[in-house]
Amino acid sequence: MQTSSAPSAVRILGIDPGSRITGYGVIELAGVVPRYVASGCIRTAEGALEQRLAQIYAGLSEVVGLHRPNAVAIERVFMAKNPDSALKLGQARGAALVCMANHGLAIEEYAARQIKQAVTGQGGADKLQVQHMVTAILQLAAAPQADAADALAIALTHAYASQAPQALSTRGAGRRRSTGRWRLS
């Protein structure tokens, strides 16, 4: 009996955390072409921070239950100009990390510049450029909301990063960073 050697699809959830709006994007990767599955935003209600964090956790838990990702990618924390905003962002990110850990999902982190570089070719790209490229790459009829587009960009970055070792092993030598991770180009 012959079995199919077609690669199984990987479903990637990208998360763009925020204490007021958390974007999510789900893509599927079977081979080298990413396919759009879903995206949206978890908008928290006014109220105490701990209630908003619970809403983020519950919303992401619902997304995981509905879309069943095999992989999760999230934006790495960066230093903001406002320390209070940075702390709230870190707490929203923490709620997302705990949610994924409780669902048994491993999480990869990517820096904002790395995400922009992977999707637009420029580490200093603005939100509109990211939206435009995500729309083009995934062949969407319309641009997703900015936070959802950022989350899709995070998922795409993970897709590209996870393909890099296979692509480089078939194409020859590649560049490595000092950390040993594959560089996105």
C-alpha atoms as a PDB file:
ATOM      1  CA  MET A   1       0.000   0.000   0.000  1.00  0.00           C
ATOM      2  CA  GLN A   2       1.413   3.373  -1.012  1.00  0.00           C
ATOM      3  CA  THR A   3       1.086   6.385   1.265  1.00  0.00           C
ATOM      4  CA  SER A   4       1.009  10.006   0.254  1.00  0.00           C
ATOM      5  CA  SER A   5       4.148  11.991   0.966  1.00  0.00           C
ATOM      6  CA  ALA A   6       2.384  15.365   0.760  1.00  0.00           C
ATOM      7  CA  PRO A   7       3.335  17.558   3.690  1.00  0.00           C
ATOM      8  CA  SER A   8       0.633  18.067   6.264  1.00  0.00           C
ATOM      9  CA  ALA A   9      -0.665  21.590   6.663  1.00  0.00           C
ATOM     10  CA  VAL A  10       0.499  23.709   9.558  1.00  0.00           C
ATOM     11  CA  ARG A  11      -1.968  26.190  10.981  1.00  0.00           C
ATOM     12  CA  ILE A  12      -0.262  29.245  12.470  1.00  0.00           C
ATOM     13  CA  LEU A  13      -1.869  31.728  14.857  1.00  0.00           C
ATOM     14  CA  GLY A  14      -0.250  35.168  14.949  1.00  0.00           C
ATOM     15  CA  ILE A  15      -0.988  37.432  17.911  1.00  0.00           C
ATOM     16  CA  ASP A  16      -0.515  41.205  18.102  1.00  0.00           C
ATOM     17  CA  PRO A  17      -1.156  41.872  21.805  1.00  0.00           C
ATOM     18  CA  GLY A  18      -2.659  45.061  23.181  1.00  0.00           C
ATOM     19  CA  SER A  19      -4.542  45.943  26.351  1.00  0.00           C
ATOM     20  CA  ARG A  20      -7.421  47.541  24.381  1.00  0.00           C
ATOM     21  CA  ILE A  21      -7.196  45.690  21.041  1.00  0.00           C
ATOM     22  CA  THR A  22      -5.484  42.347  20.507  1.00  0.00           C
ATOM     23  CA  GLY A  23      -5.220  41.328  16.880  1.00  0.00           C
ATOM     24  CA  TYR A  24      -5.158  37.718  15.760  1.00  0.00           C
ATOM     25  CA  GLY A  25      -4.513  36.130  12.398  1.00  0.00           C
ATOM     26  CA  VAL A  26      -4.629  32.508  11.334  1.00  0.00           C
ATOM     27  CA  ILE A  27      -2.948  31.167   8.216  1.00  0.00           C
ATOM     28  CA  GLU A  28      -2.382  27.680   6.921  1.00  0.00           C
ATOM     29  CA  LEU A  29       0.811  26.524   5.317  1.00  0.00           C
ATOM     30  CA  ALA A  30       0.818  23.424   3.128  1.00  0.00           C
ATOM     31  CA  GLY A  31       4.017  23.508   1.124  1.00  0.00           C
ATOM     32  CA  VAL A  32       5.335  27.003   0.507  1.00  0.00           C
ATOM     33  CA  VAL A  33       2.183  29.046  -0.169  1.00  0.00           C
ATOM     34  CA  PRO A  34       0.434  30.513   2.880  1.00  0.00           C
ATOM     35  CA  ARG A  35      -3.373  30.528   2.833  1.00  0.00           C
ATOM     36  CA  TYR A  36      -5.608  32.893   4.804  1.00  0.00           C
ATOM     37  CA  VAL A  37      -7.901  31.215   7.336  1.00  0.00           C
ATOM     38  CA  ALA A  38      -9.202  33.966   9.639  1.00  0.00           C
ATOM     39  CA  SER A  39      -8.342  37.220  11.358  1.00  0.00           C
ATOM     40  CA  GLY A  40      -9.906  39.716  13.682  1.00  0.00           C
ATOM     41  CA  CYS A  41      -9.584  41.726  16.844  1.00  0.00           C
ATOM     42  CA  ILE A  42     -10.415  41.106  20.460  1.00  0.00           C
ATOM     43  CA  ARG A  43     -11.645  44.457  21.752  1.00  0.00           C
ATOM     44  CA  THR A  44     -11.768  44.780  25.507  1.00  0.00           C
ATOM     45  CA  ALA A  45     -14.462  46.727  27.321  1.00  0.00           C
ATOM     46  CA  GLU A  46     -13.692  49.681  29.556  1.00  0.00           C
ATOM     47  CA  GLY A  47     -12.864  48.656  33.063  1.00  0.00           C
ATOM     48  CA  ALA A  48     -10.130  47.417  35.311  1.00  0.00           C
ATOM     49  CA  LEU A  49      -6.999  46.039  33.664  1.00  0.00           C
ATOM     50  CA  GLU A  50      -7.474  42.591  35.190  1.00  0.00           C
ATOM     51  CA  GLN A  51     -10.921  42.360  33.571  1.00  0.00           C
ATOM     52  CA  ARG A  52      -9.491  43.362  30.192  1.00  0.00           C
ATOM     53  CA  LEU A  53      -6.740  40.730  30.583  1.00  0.00           C
ATOM     54  CA  ALA A  54      -9.420  38.112  31.316  1.00  0.00           C
ATOM     55  CA  GLN A  55     -11.247  39.184  28.131  1.00  0.00           C
ATOM     56  CA  ILE A  56      -8.047  38.802  26.104  1.00  0.00           C
ATOM     57  CA  TYR A  57      -7.477  35.341  27.558  1.00  0.00           C
ATOM     58  CA  ALA A  58     -11.088  34.273  26.881  1.00  0.00           C
ATOM     59  CA  GLY A  59     -11.071  35.691  23.348  1.00  0.00           C
ATOM     60  CA  LEU A  60      -7.819  33.965  22.416  1.00  0.00           C
ATOM     61  CA  SER A  61      -9.033  30.733  23.994  1.00  0.00           C
ATOM     62  CA  GLU A  62     -12.087  30.915  21.738  1.00  0.00           C
ATOM     63  CA  VAL A  63      -9.878  31.537  18.674  1.00  0.00           C
ATOM     64  CA  VAL A  64      -7.719  28.501  19.567  1.00  0.00           C
ATOM     65  CA  GLY A  65     -10.800  26.327  20.056  1.00  0.00           C
ATOM     66  CA  LEU A  66     -12.301  27.419  16.760  1.00  0.00           C
ATOM     67  CA  HIS A  67      -9.205  27.328  14.523  1.00  0.00           C
ATOM     68  CA  ARG A  68      -6.984  24.684  16.212  1.00  0.00           C
ATOM     69  CA  PRO A  69      -3.519  26.126  15.427  1.00  0.00           C
ATOM     70  CA  ASN A  70      -0.414  23.898  15.511  1.00  0.00           C
ATOM     71  CA  ALA A  71       1.929  26.858  15.980  1.00  0.00           C
ATOM     72  CA  VAL A  72       1.730  30.292  17.598  1.00  0.00           C
ATOM     73  CA  ALA A  73       3.796  33.409  17.001  1.00  0.00           C
ATOM     74  CA  ILE A  74       3.664  36.651  18.961  1.00  0.00           C
ATOM     75  CA  GLU A  75       5.366  40.010  18.772  1.00  0.00           C
ATOM     76  CA  ARG A  76       8.287  40.390  21.176  1.00  0.00           C
ATOM     77  CA  VAL A  77       8.063  43.152  23.772  1.00  0.00           C
ATOM     78  CA  PHE A  78       9.698  46.433  22.818  1.00  0.00           C
ATOM     79  CA  MET A  79      10.362  49.509  24.890  1.00  0.00           C
ATOM     80  CA  ALA A  80       7.716  52.157  24.347  1.00  0.00           C
ATOM     81  CA  LYS A  81       8.086  55.869  25.038  1.00  0.00           C
ATOM     82  CA  ASN A  82       5.461  55.621  27.760  1.00  0.00           C
ATOM     83  CA  PRO A  83       6.417  53.185  30.568  1.00  0.00           C
ATOM     84  CA  ASP A  84       2.776  52.752  31.643  1.00  0.00           C
ATOM     85  CA  SER A  85       1.802  51.719  28.105  1.00  0.00           C
ATOM     86  CA  ALA A  86       4.744  49.303  27.943  1.00  0.00           C
ATOM     87  CA  LEU A  87       3.654  47.665  31.211  1.00  0.00           C
ATOM     88  CA  LYS A  88       0.061  47.257  30.010  1.00  0.00           C
ATOM     89  CA  LEU A  89       1.284  45.833  26.712  1.00  0.00           C
ATOM     90  CA  GLY A  90       3.481  43.387  28.616  1.00  0.00           C
ATOM     91  CA  GLN A  91       0.537  42.304  30.745  1.00  0.00           C
ATOM     92  CA  ALA A  92      -1.681  41.792  27.675  1.00  0.00           C
ATOM     93  CA  ARG A  93       1.120  39.775  26.118  1.00  0.00           C
ATOM     94  CA  GLY A  94       1.387  37.749  29.333  1.00  0.00           C
ATOM     95  CA  ALA A  95      -2.332  36.912  29.190  1.00  0.00           C
ATOM     96  CA  ALA A  96      -1.828  35.673  25.612  1.00  0.00           C
ATOM     97  CA  LEU A  97       1.244  33.620  26.582  1.00  0.00           C
ATOM     98  CA  VAL A  98      -0.548  31.952  29.511  1.00  0.00           C
ATOM     99  CA  CYS A  99      -3.551  31.188  27.299  1.00  0.00           C
ATOM    100  CA  MET A 100      -1.347  29.482  24.711  1.00  0.00           C
ATOM    101  CA  ALA A 101       0.607  27.590  27.397  1.00  0.00           C
ATOM    102  CA  ASN A 102      -2.671  26.358  28.919  1.00  0.00           C
ATOM    103  CA  HIS A 103      -3.658  25.047  25.481  1.00  0.00           C
ATOM    104  CA  GLY A 104      -0.318  23.234  25.184  1.00  0.00           C
ATOM    105  CA  LEU A 105       0.924  25.404  22.316  1.00  0.00           C
ATOM    106  CA  ALA A 106       4.555  26.427  21.896  1.00  0.00           C
ATOM    107  CA  ILE A 107       5.130  30.096  21.129  1.00  0.00           C
ATOM    108  CA  GLU A 108       7.739  31.748  18.922  1.00  0.00           C
ATOM    109  CA  GLU A 109       8.558  35.431  19.388  1.00  0.00           C
ATOM    110  CA  TYR A 110       9.556  37.921  16.705  1.00  0.00           C
ATOM    111  CA  ALA A 111      10.735  41.514  17.005  1.00  0.00           C
ATOM    112  CA  ALA A 112       8.693  44.231  15.280  1.00  0.00           C
ATOM    113  CA  ARG A 113      11.542  45.060  12.866  1.00  0.00           C
ATOM    114  CA  GLN A 114      11.930  41.385  12.008  1.00  0.00           C
ATOM    115  CA  ILE A 115       8.201  41.102  11.212  1.00  0.00           C
ATOM    116  CA  LYS A 116       8.218  44.220   9.034  1.00  0.00           C
ATOM    117  CA  GLN A 117      11.368  43.017   7.253  1.00  0.00           C
ATOM    118  CA  ALA A 118       9.868  39.588   6.559  1.00  0.00           C
ATOM    119  CA  VAL A 119       6.608  40.919   5.144  1.00  0.00           C
ATOM    120  CA  THR A 120       7.560  44.200   3.442  1.00  0.00           C
ATOM    121  CA  GLY A 121      11.312  43.919   2.939  1.00  0.00           C
ATOM    122  CA  GLN A 122      11.850  46.993   5.151  1.00  0.00           C
ATOM    123  CA  GLY A 123      12.391  46.840   8.909  1.00  0.00           C
ATOM    124  CA  GLY A 124      11.066  50.382   9.273  1.00  0.00           C
ATOM    125  CA  ALA A 125       7.812  49.883   7.338  1.00  0.00           C
ATOM    126  CA  ASP A 126       4.676  51.612   8.600  1.00  0.00           C
ATOM    127  CA  LYS A 127       1.296  50.007   9.364  1.00  0.00           C
ATOM    128  CA  LEU A 128      -0.141  50.863   5.941  1.00  0.00           C
ATOM    129  CA  GLN A 129       2.747  49.107   4.181  1.00  0.00           C
ATOM    130  CA  VAL A 130       2.242  46.039   6.387  1.00  0.00           C
ATOM    131  CA  GLN A 131      -1.511  46.022   5.632  1.00  0.00           C
ATOM    132  CA  HIS A 132      -0.851  46.361   1.903  1.00  0.00           C
ATOM    133  CA  MET A 133       1.681  43.524   1.775  1.00  0.00           C
ATOM    134  CA  VAL A 134      -0.407  41.178   3.952  1.00  0.00           C
ATOM    135  CA  THR A 135      -3.363  41.824   1.629  1.00  0.00           C
ATOM    136  CA  ALA A 136      -1.204  41.085  -1.429  1.00  0.00           C
ATOM    137  CA  ILE A 137       0.592  38.016  -0.034  1.00  0.00           C
ATOM    138  CA  LEU A 138      -2.624  36.368   1.159  1.00  0.00           C
ATOM    139  CA  GLN A 139      -4.603  37.589  -1.886  1.00  0.00           C
ATOM    140  CA  LEU A 140      -7.324  39.162   0.250  1.00  0.00           C
ATOM    141  CA  ALA A 141     -10.175  41.115  -1.339  1.00  0.00           C
ATOM    142  CA  ALA A 142      -9.740  43.951   1.194  1.00  0.00           C
ATOM    143  CA  ALA A 143      -7.141  45.010   3.736  1.00  0.00           C
ATOM    144  CA  PRO A 144      -7.771  43.669   7.238  1.00  0.00           C
ATOM    145  CA  GLN A 145      -7.990  46.061  10.204  1.00  0.00           C
ATOM    146  CA  ALA A 146      -4.492  47.254  11.252  1.00  0.00           C
ATOM    147  CA  ASP A 147      -4.175  45.049  14.362  1.00  0.00           C
ATOM    148  CA  ALA A 148      -5.448  41.977  12.483  1.00  0.00           C
ATOM    149  CA  ALA A 149      -3.019  42.746   9.623  1.00  0.00           C
ATOM    150  CA  ASP A 150      -0.160  42.962  12.130  1.00  0.00           C
ATOM    151  CA  ALA A 151      -1.182  39.580  13.556  1.00  0.00           C
ATOM    152  CA  LEU A 152      -1.288  38.058  10.069  1.00  0.00           C
ATOM    153  CA  ALA A 153       2.170  39.536   9.430  1.00  0.00           C
ATOM    154  CA  ILE A 154       3.413  37.834  12.607  1.00  0.00           C
ATOM    155  CA  ALA A 155       1.963  34.499  11.406  1.00  0.00           C
ATOM    156  CA  LEU A 156       3.575  34.995   7.979  1.00  0.00           C
ATOM    157  CA  THR A 157       6.929  35.763   9.629  1.00  0.00           C
ATOM    158  CA  HIS A 158       6.720  32.476  11.496  1.00  0.00           C
ATOM    159  CA  ALA A 159       5.807  30.653   8.283  1.00  0.00           C
ATOM    160  CA  TYR A 160       8.843  32.133   6.524  1.00  0.00           C
ATOM    161  CA  ALA A 161      11.134  31.435   9.484  1.00  0.00           C
ATOM    162  CA  SER A 162       9.970  27.826   9.740  1.00  0.00           C
ATOM    163  CA  GLN A 163      10.598  27.329   6.000  1.00  0.00           C
ATOM    164  CA  ALA A 164      14.078  28.868   6.079  1.00  0.00           C
ATOM    165  CA  PRO A 165      15.988  25.782   7.289  1.00  0.00           C
ATOM    166  CA  GLN A 166      14.340  23.539   4.666  1.00  0.00           C
ATOM    167  CA  ALA A 167      14.808  26.103   1.893  1.00  0.00           C
ATOM    168  CA  LEU A 168      18.425  26.679   2.791  1.00  0.00           C
ATOM    169  CA  SER A 169      19.203  22.978   3.004  1.00  0.00           C
ATOM    170  CA  THR A 170      17.966  22.540  -0.567  1.00  0.00           C
ATOM    171  CA  ARG A 171      19.504  25.755  -1.948  1.00  0.00           C
ATOM    172  CA  GLY A 172      22.898  25.712  -0.295  1.00  0.00           C
ATOM    173  CA  ALA A 173      24.549  27.991   2.216  1.00  0.00           C
ATOM    174  CA  GLY A 174      22.583  30.505   4.253  1.00  0.00           C
ATOM    175  CA  ARG A 175      23.302  33.259   6.701  1.00  0.00           C
ATOM    176  CA  ARG A 176      23.002  32.781  10.445  1.00  0.00           C
ATOM    177  CA  ARG A 177      22.836  35.236  13.263  1.00  0.00           C
ATOM    178  CA  SER A 178      25.058  34.925  16.283  1.00  0.00           C
ATOM    179  CA  THR A 179      22.081  33.436  18.183  1.00  0.00           C
ATOM    180  CA  GLY A 180      21.979  30.491  15.820  1.00  0.00           C
ATOM    181  CA  ARG A 181      18.496  31.363  14.500  1.00  0.00           C
ATOM    182  CA  TRP A 182      17.967  31.666  10.763  1.00  0.00           C
ATOM    183  CA  ARG A 183      17.959  35.215   9.469  1.00  0.00           C
ATOM    184  CA  LEU A 184      14.914  36.297   7.510  1.00  0.00           C
ATOM    185  CA  SER A 185      15.728  37.898   4.189  1.00  0.00           C
END
